[in-house]
């Protein structure tokens, strides 16, 4: 049975799943945490819930990959490295160069690294991870699956900013979007659940996690999306501000005596969103628990929902209507109250939620009422499966 590894490497983490294909069954998964830092943690979950954990320093991606592959053998998850017939890697920034998933070689890896200015914390680490697998699994196809690829179908009117065209031409200053692999998976799955061709549906997919992005999909392609040049843009998120007046950034830098723009960007990325608004937590569950006793918690909830409703409504207008609205990711899959709050805010479009159908977490289903003019679905995302499918498709 061919096995495919799906890899999600960050600056200090390496998450992975091993699939049996084509049956698409996860046979093992795990992660390396605190990679490059003291007291790293190496975890594997396999079999009938068995766990294998090692705590030791893991300074490099080479060592992390070596430990992973040896653990697969030692735990008898595989009997030989030759069982692994492909490795897929999530890569954050593909720019305009990578319009779809692609087999990677040294030339394309250098192109991934050249795009690091668009994702300095991610692309270098992801390229390092790819090289580590190339070294230890020579001849095995390595496939890059890019967060931004799905959004390269957006028309110019939706990806260009209203600034001098030369900034785009010289520096690539444009909207790239993010979460593309998630949006691609849930839109395809939603179309399957509805029994209709994806190309015939106008759809808005809502990836509501710690990072939040809203995508309009028309003719089976990304038509517009809320995240921009970076994942900082768009709606209010857990710790990210979302859209903000650029002049306010300069104003706050003066008031706070900040001279380094990166420090201000760090505040907007890590110290803003519902975390800042509530003064309590970036976790929506904590805000829901305290909304009756803390006005700031209720205000953060209201602003979060309001910004999503605005974006979704705008996208419905852009597409000339909508056939399906889809929730996914952490909050999208697990927050029953937030889903209802958002759909109630879109009632003007004929969207109605069925409270009984909606009373579920992380389970595929239609959650709109029978008399809703718009189908509303809950579809748990599965980016790793999408990566594995791309490896099978491109590795032939």
Protein backbone atom coordinates (compact mmCIF):
# COMPACT_ATOMS: atom_id res chain seq x y z
CA UNK A 1 0.00 0.00 0.00
CA UNK A 2 1.65 3.32 -1.07
CA UNK A 3 2.29 5.71 1.81
CA UNK A 4 2.45 9.49 1.56
CA UNK A 5 3.85 11.89 4.14
CA UNK A 6 2.21 15.33 4.49
CA UNK A 7 4.54 17.83 6.17
CA UNK A 8 3.80 21.21 7.74
CA UNK A 9 7.11 22.76 8.85
CA UNK A 10 7.31 26.02 10.79
CA UNK A 11 10.21 27.99 12.25
CA UNK A 12 10.27 25.81 15.39
CA UNK A 13 7.79 23.02 14.63
CA UNK A 14 7.41 20.15 12.20
CA UNK A 15 3.94 18.58 12.04
CA UNK A 16 3.22 15.51 9.91
CA UNK A 17 0.70 12.84 8.93
CA UNK A 18 1.35 9.54 7.18
CA UNK A 19 -1.42 8.37 4.84
CA UNK A 20 -2.17 5.03 3.26
CA UNK A 21 -3.20 5.91 -0.28
CA UNK A 22 -5.45 5.77 -2.19
CA UNK A 23 -7.74 4.82 0.72
CA UNK A 24 -6.78 8.14 2.39
CA UNK A 25 -6.36 6.61 5.84
CA UNK A 26 -4.11 8.27 8.43
CA UNK A 27 -1.91 5.56 9.93
CA UNK A 28 0.36 7.80 12.02
CA UNK A 29 0.82 11.45 12.87
CA UNK A 30 2.96 13.59 15.10
CA UNK A 31 5.07 16.65 15.52
CA UNK A 32 8.39 18.04 16.63
CA UNK A 33 7.90 21.01 18.95
CA UNK A 34 10.53 23.56 20.02
CA UNK A 35 12.84 22.52 17.18
CA UNK A 36 16.06 24.52 17.44
CA UNK A 37 15.31 25.35 21.08
CA UNK A 38 16.33 23.59 24.30
CA UNK A 39 14.25 20.61 25.46
CA UNK A 40 12.50 19.86 22.16
CA UNK A 41 9.59 17.41 22.11
CA UNK A 42 9.13 14.63 19.55
CA UNK A 43 5.68 13.00 19.47
CA UNK A 44 4.14 10.18 17.44
CA UNK A 45 0.55 8.91 17.59
CA UNK A 46 -0.12 5.60 15.83
CA UNK A 47 -1.98 2.29 15.87
CA UNK A 48 -4.92 2.16 18.27
CA UNK A 49 -4.04 5.40 20.05
CA UNK A 50 -0.50 4.44 21.07
CA UNK A 51 1.83 7.35 21.77
CA UNK A 52 5.60 7.69 21.58
CA UNK A 53 7.22 10.78 23.13
CA UNK A 54 10.87 11.82 23.35
CA UNK A 55 12.19 14.97 25.05
CA UNK A 56 15.65 16.00 23.89
CA UNK A 57 17.34 18.83 22.04
CA UNK A 58 16.54 18.71 18.31
CA UNK A 59 18.60 21.57 16.87
CA UNK A 60 18.00 21.11 13.13
CA UNK A 61 15.42 20.01 10.58
CA UNK A 62 17.87 17.31 9.42
CA UNK A 63 17.82 15.75 12.89
CA UNK A 64 14.01 16.08 13.18
CA UNK A 65 13.46 14.32 9.85
CA UNK A 66 16.00 11.63 10.73
CA UNK A 67 14.19 10.96 14.04
CA UNK A 68 10.82 10.85 12.26
CA UNK A 69 11.90 8.33 9.65
CA UNK A 70 13.70 6.13 12.20
CA UNK A 71 10.64 6.20 14.48
CA UNK A 72 8.44 4.98 11.62
CA UNK A 73 10.74 1.97 11.30
CA UNK A 74 11.31 1.37 15.03
CA UNK A 75 7.58 1.53 15.81
CA UNK A 76 6.92 -0.82 12.86
CA UNK A 77 4.63 1.72 11.20
CA UNK A 78 6.60 0.98 8.04
CA UNK A 79 8.99 -1.90 7.32
CA UNK A 80 11.11 -0.08 4.74
CA UNK A 81 11.64 3.51 3.58
CA UNK A 82 10.62 2.40 0.09
CA UNK A 83 7.02 2.24 1.30
CA UNK A 84 7.05 6.05 1.37
CA UNK A 85 6.30 6.97 -2.23
CA UNK A 86 6.02 10.72 -1.86
CA UNK A 87 6.32 13.63 0.55
CA UNK A 88 4.14 16.74 0.35
CA UNK A 89 5.13 20.00 1.98
CA UNK A 90 2.92 22.91 2.93
CA UNK A 91 4.66 26.12 1.81
CA UNK A 92 3.21 29.46 2.82
CA UNK A 93 4.31 31.86 0.06
CA UNK A 94 4.30 30.85 -3.59
CA UNK A 95 4.00 34.37 -4.96
CA UNK A 96 3.02 34.50 -8.62
CA UNK A 97 5.59 31.86 -9.53
CA UNK A 98 3.76 28.85 -8.07
CA UNK A 99 0.21 28.88 -9.40
CA UNK A 100 -0.44 25.29 -8.33
CA UNK A 101 1.25 22.48 -6.41
CA UNK A 102 4.52 21.37 -8.00
CA UNK A 103 7.25 18.74 -7.79
CA UNK A 104 10.29 20.28 -6.13
CA UNK A 105 13.94 20.11 -7.14
CA UNK A 106 16.95 22.26 -6.26
CA UNK A 107 15.99 24.90 -8.83
CA UNK A 108 12.42 25.30 -7.55
CA UNK A 109 13.63 25.23 -3.93
CA UNK A 110 15.82 28.24 -4.64
CA UNK A 111 12.73 29.96 -6.04
CA UNK A 112 10.87 29.12 -2.81
CA UNK A 113 13.72 30.69 -0.83
CA UNK A 114 13.70 33.75 -3.09
CA UNK A 115 10.08 34.33 -1.99
CA UNK A 116 11.11 34.40 1.68
CA UNK A 117 10.61 38.15 1.97
CA UNK A 118 6.88 37.45 1.67
CA UNK A 119 7.00 34.85 4.51
CA UNK A 120 10.32 35.21 6.38
CA UNK A 121 9.30 32.92 9.25
CA UNK A 122 7.98 30.14 7.02
CA UNK A 123 9.55 29.75 3.59
CA UNK A 124 13.18 29.29 4.78
CA UNK A 125 12.11 26.68 7.36
CA UNK A 126 9.95 24.88 4.81
CA UNK A 127 12.79 24.79 2.26
CA UNK A 128 15.10 23.42 4.94
CA UNK A 129 12.58 20.66 5.68
CA UNK A 130 12.30 19.73 1.99
CA UNK A 131 16.10 19.45 1.71
CA UNK A 132 16.24 17.22 4.79
CA UNK A 133 13.76 14.78 3.22
CA UNK A 134 15.57 14.92 -0.14
CA UNK A 135 18.78 13.90 1.62
CA UNK A 136 17.27 10.99 3.56
CA UNK A 137 14.78 9.79 0.91
CA UNK A 138 16.67 10.25 -2.37
CA UNK A 139 14.55 9.67 -5.44
CA UNK A 140 11.26 10.04 -3.58
CA UNK A 141 9.04 12.78 -5.12
CA UNK A 142 8.87 15.94 -3.00
CA UNK A 143 5.85 18.13 -3.75
CA UNK A 144 5.28 21.73 -2.65
CA UNK A 145 1.67 22.69 -1.87
CA UNK A 146 1.41 26.46 -1.60
CA UNK A 147 -1.03 28.40 0.60
CA UNK A 148 -1.24 31.14 -1.99
CA UNK A 149 -1.67 29.04 -5.16
CA UNK A 150 -5.43 28.72 -4.91
CA UNK A 151 -5.80 32.50 -4.95
CA UNK A 152 -3.73 33.11 -8.11
CA UNK A 153 -6.99 32.87 -10.09
CA UNK A 154 -8.28 36.16 -8.64
CA UNK A 155 -8.91 38.85 -11.25
CA UNK A 156 -6.68 41.92 -11.21
CA UNK A 157 -9.46 44.12 -9.86
CA UNK A 158 -9.45 41.99 -6.72
CA UNK A 159 -5.73 41.45 -6.13
CA UNK A 160 -4.28 44.87 -7.00
CA UNK A 161 -4.07 47.66 -4.43
CA UNK A 162 -4.91 51.25 -5.41
CA UNK A 163 -1.27 52.31 -5.43
CA UNK A 164 1.25 52.99 -8.21
CA UNK A 165 1.38 49.97 -10.57
CA UNK A 166 5.19 50.08 -10.46
CA UNK A 167 5.06 48.92 -6.80
CA UNK A 168 3.39 45.74 -8.02
CA UNK A 169 5.62 45.39 -11.06
CA UNK A 170 8.89 45.97 -9.15
CA UNK A 171 8.14 44.59 -5.70
CA UNK A 172 5.18 42.24 -6.10
CA UNK A 173 2.98 44.45 -3.90
CA UNK A 174 -0.45 42.82 -4.27
CA UNK A 175 -2.97 40.65 -2.45
CA UNK A 176 -1.84 37.01 -2.22
CA UNK A 177 -4.27 35.59 0.33
CA UNK A 178 -3.69 32.56 2.54
CA UNK A 179 -5.29 29.29 3.75
CA UNK A 180 -5.66 28.35 0.08
CA UNK A 181 -5.29 24.61 0.68
CA UNK A 182 -8.05 24.70 3.28
CA UNK A 183 -10.41 26.74 1.09
CA UNK A 184 -9.70 24.42 -1.84
CA UNK A 185 -10.48 21.30 0.20
CA UNK A 186 -13.70 22.52 1.81
CA UNK A 187 -15.12 23.99 -1.41
CA UNK A 188 -14.57 20.72 -3.29
CA UNK A 189 -16.04 18.73 -0.42
CA UNK A 190 -19.04 21.06 -0.10
CA UNK A 191 -19.79 20.64 -3.80
CA UNK A 192 -19.65 16.84 -3.35
CA UNK A 193 -22.04 17.02 -0.38
CA UNK A 194 -24.44 19.17 -2.40
CA UNK A 195 -24.17 16.85 -5.39
CA UNK A 196 -23.38 19.69 -7.77
CA UNK A 197 -20.37 20.57 -9.96
CA UNK A 198 -18.11 23.05 -8.15
CA UNK A 199 -17.99 25.18 -11.32
CA UNK A 200 -21.75 25.76 -11.08
CA UNK A 201 -21.67 27.11 -7.50
CA UNK A 202 -21.11 30.58 -6.09
CA UNK A 203 -19.67 29.92 -2.68
CA UNK A 204 -18.18 31.75 0.31
CA UNK A 205 -15.90 29.64 2.50
CA UNK A 206 -15.08 30.84 6.02
CA UNK A 207 -11.87 29.53 7.58
CA UNK A 208 -12.37 30.59 11.19
CA UNK A 209 -9.31 29.56 13.17
CA UNK A 210 -6.76 31.58 15.10
CA UNK A 211 -6.14 33.10 11.70
CA UNK A 212 -9.37 33.91 9.86
CA UNK A 213 -9.89 34.22 6.12
CA UNK A 214 -13.00 34.54 3.99
CA UNK A 215 -12.92 33.49 0.33
CA UNK A 216 -15.39 34.06 -2.51
CA UNK A 217 -15.35 31.23 -5.04
CA UNK A 218 -16.90 31.56 -8.46
CA UNK A 219 -16.71 29.16 -11.42
CA UNK A 220 -14.78 26.76 -9.18
CA UNK A 221 -11.98 29.27 -8.56
CA UNK A 222 -10.93 31.79 -5.95
CA UNK A 223 -12.50 35.10 -6.95
CA UNK A 224 -11.63 37.22 -3.92
CA UNK A 225 -10.23 36.67 -0.43
CA UNK A 226 -9.91 38.67 2.78
CA UNK A 227 -6.22 38.21 3.62
CA UNK A 228 -3.91 40.43 1.64
CA UNK A 229 -0.19 40.90 0.99
CA UNK A 230 0.20 39.04 4.28
CA UNK A 231 -2.20 37.17 6.58
CA UNK A 232 -2.51 40.33 8.72
CA UNK A 233 -5.21 41.83 6.49
CA UNK A 234 -8.93 41.14 6.47
CA UNK A 235 -11.27 40.46 9.37
CA UNK A 236 -10.59 40.68 13.11
CA UNK A 237 -8.74 37.55 14.27
CA UNK A 238 -7.53 36.01 17.54
CA UNK A 239 -4.42 38.19 17.87
CA UNK A 240 -4.33 39.97 14.47
CA UNK A 241 -6.00 43.31 13.89
CA UNK A 242 -7.26 42.65 10.39
CA UNK A 243 -7.83 45.72 8.19
CA UNK A 244 -6.56 48.98 9.64
CA UNK A 245 -5.99 52.49 8.23
CA UNK A 246 -2.32 52.71 7.19
CA UNK A 247 -2.15 56.28 8.54
CA UNK A 248 -3.11 54.96 11.97
CA UNK A 249 -0.01 52.75 11.93
CA UNK A 250 2.23 55.82 11.45
CA UNK A 251 0.23 57.75 14.07
CA UNK A 252 0.60 55.00 16.67
CA UNK A 253 4.31 54.62 15.96
CA UNK A 254 4.77 58.31 16.77
CA UNK A 255 2.67 58.13 19.94
CA UNK A 256 4.38 54.93 21.15
CA UNK A 257 7.87 56.14 20.20
CA UNK A 258 8.35 53.13 17.92
CA UNK A 259 11.00 53.58 15.22
CA UNK A 260 11.15 50.03 13.88
CA UNK A 261 8.15 49.24 11.63
CA UNK A 262 8.55 45.53 12.40
CA UNK A 263 7.77 46.22 16.05
CA UNK A 264 4.48 47.86 15.08
CA UNK A 265 3.66 45.00 12.72
CA UNK A 266 4.39 42.62 15.59
CA UNK A 267 1.83 44.44 17.77
CA UNK A 268 -0.78 44.17 15.01
CA UNK A 269 0.00 40.47 14.49
CA UNK A 270 0.39 39.26 18.08
CA UNK A 271 -1.19 41.77 20.45
CA UNK A 272 -4.38 42.79 18.65
CA UNK A 273 -7.64 41.16 17.53
CA UNK A 274 -10.12 39.79 20.07
CA UNK A 275 -7.20 39.39 22.49
CA UNK A 276 -6.69 43.15 22.61
CA UNK A 277 -10.38 44.07 22.39
CA UNK A 278 -11.38 41.77 25.25
CA UNK A 279 -8.37 42.42 27.43
CA UNK A 280 -8.72 38.76 28.41
CA UNK A 281 -7.89 36.06 25.88
CA UNK A 282 -7.39 35.25 22.17
CA UNK A 283 -9.61 32.19 22.73
CA UNK A 284 -13.24 32.81 21.73
CA UNK A 285 -14.37 30.14 24.21
CA UNK A 286 -13.14 32.27 27.10
CA UNK A 287 -14.99 35.29 25.74
CA UNK A 288 -18.24 33.34 25.36
CA UNK A 289 -17.96 32.21 28.99
CA UNK A 290 -17.53 35.79 30.25
CA UNK A 291 -19.71 37.80 27.85
CA UNK A 292 -22.52 38.27 30.42
CA UNK A 293 -20.16 39.65 33.07
CA UNK A 294 -17.52 41.46 30.98
CA UNK A 295 -18.74 44.06 28.44
CA UNK A 296 -15.32 43.93 26.75
CA UNK A 297 -15.80 40.23 26.02
CA UNK A 298 -19.19 40.89 24.41
CA UNK A 299 -17.77 43.79 22.38
CA UNK A 300 -14.92 41.62 21.05
CA UNK A 301 -17.46 38.94 20.03
CA UNK A 302 -19.65 41.55 18.31
CA UNK A 303 -16.74 43.06 16.37
CA UNK A 304 -15.47 39.62 15.33
CA UNK A 305 -18.87 38.61 13.92
CA UNK A 306 -19.51 42.04 12.40
CA UNK A 307 -16.33 42.02 10.31
CA UNK A 308 -17.06 38.53 8.97
CA UNK A 309 -20.64 39.46 8.07
CA UNK A 310 -19.38 42.57 6.22
CA UNK A 311 -16.90 40.58 4.15
CA UNK A 312 -19.34 37.78 3.34
CA UNK A 313 -22.06 40.25 2.35
CA UNK A 314 -19.62 42.11 0.13
CA UNK A 315 -18.56 38.91 -1.59
CA UNK A 316 -22.17 37.88 -2.19
CA UNK A 317 -22.71 41.23 -3.91
CA UNK A 318 -19.48 40.84 -5.91
CA UNK A 319 -20.58 37.44 -7.24
CA UNK A 320 -24.17 38.51 -7.91
CA UNK A 321 -25.56 36.07 -5.36
CA UNK A 322 -24.51 32.96 -3.46
CA UNK A 323 -25.46 29.28 -3.47
CA UNK A 324 -23.53 28.04 -0.44
CA UNK A 325 -21.85 29.33 2.71
CA UNK A 326 -19.30 27.01 4.32
CA UNK A 327 -17.77 27.05 7.83
CA UNK A 328 -14.45 25.37 8.62
CA UNK A 329 -11.38 25.38 10.94
CA UNK A 330 -11.31 25.65 14.74
CA UNK A 331 -14.06 28.18 15.47
CA UNK A 332 -15.92 27.44 12.26
CA UNK A 333 -16.14 23.77 13.19
CA UNK A 334 -16.54 24.11 16.95
CA UNK A 335 -18.42 27.31 17.79
CA UNK A 336 -22.14 26.61 17.46
CA UNK A 337 -23.16 30.05 18.74
CA UNK A 338 -20.79 31.97 16.45
CA UNK A 339 -22.06 30.13 13.36
CA UNK A 340 -25.64 31.07 14.24
CA UNK A 341 -24.64 34.67 15.00
CA UNK A 342 -23.01 35.03 11.56
CA UNK A 343 -25.85 33.39 9.59
CA UNK A 344 -28.45 35.47 11.46
CA UNK A 345 -26.49 38.52 10.32
CA UNK A 346 -26.87 37.36 6.71
CA UNK A 347 -30.63 36.81 6.91
CA UNK A 348 -31.17 39.59 4.36
CA UNK A 349 -29.83 37.15 1.73
CA UNK A 350 -32.33 34.48 2.75
CA UNK A 351 -29.83 32.46 4.78
CA UNK A 352 -31.38 30.59 7.72
CA UNK A 353 -29.81 28.18 10.17
CA UNK A 354 -31.51 25.10 11.62
CA UNK A 355 -30.71 25.09 15.34
CA UNK A 356 -30.91 21.32 15.66
CA UNK A 357 -28.69 20.66 12.64
CA UNK A 358 -26.27 23.33 13.84
CA UNK A 359 -25.94 21.71 17.27
CA UNK A 360 -22.83 19.77 16.29
CA UNK A 361 -19.05 20.20 16.35
CA UNK A 362 -16.50 19.21 13.70
CA UNK A 363 -18.90 17.02 11.74
CA UNK A 364 -19.78 17.27 8.04
CA UNK A 365 -23.36 18.29 7.55
CA UNK A 366 -25.86 20.72 6.11
CA UNK A 367 -26.83 23.14 8.90
CA UNK A 368 -29.26 25.43 7.07
CA UNK A 369 -33.03 25.09 7.42
CA UNK A 370 -35.16 23.57 4.68
CA UNK A 371 -36.57 26.98 3.76
CA UNK A 372 -33.16 28.70 3.61
CA UNK A 373 -32.48 30.24 0.19
CA UNK A 374 -28.77 29.58 0.72
CA UNK A 375 -27.23 26.23 1.64
CA UNK A 376 -25.10 26.51 4.79
CA UNK A 377 -22.62 23.73 5.49
CA UNK A 378 -20.13 22.68 8.14
CA UNK A 379 -17.10 20.98 6.54
CA UNK A 380 -14.08 20.17 8.75
CA UNK A 381 -10.93 21.11 6.89
CA UNK A 382 -8.27 18.56 6.00
CA UNK A 383 -5.25 20.34 4.55
CA UNK A 384 -3.00 17.31 5.05
CA UNK A 385 -5.29 15.12 2.95
CA UNK A 386 -5.30 17.75 0.19
CA UNK A 387 -1.47 17.71 0.31
CA UNK A 388 -1.41 13.89 0.10
CA UNK A 389 -3.79 13.93 -2.87
CA UNK A 390 -1.57 16.44 -4.69
CA UNK A 391 1.46 14.23 -4.09
CA UNK A 392 -0.33 11.21 -5.58
CA UNK A 393 -1.50 13.29 -8.56
CA UNK A 394 1.91 14.82 -9.29
CA UNK A 395 4.09 11.91 -8.24
CA UNK A 396 2.91 9.60 -11.01
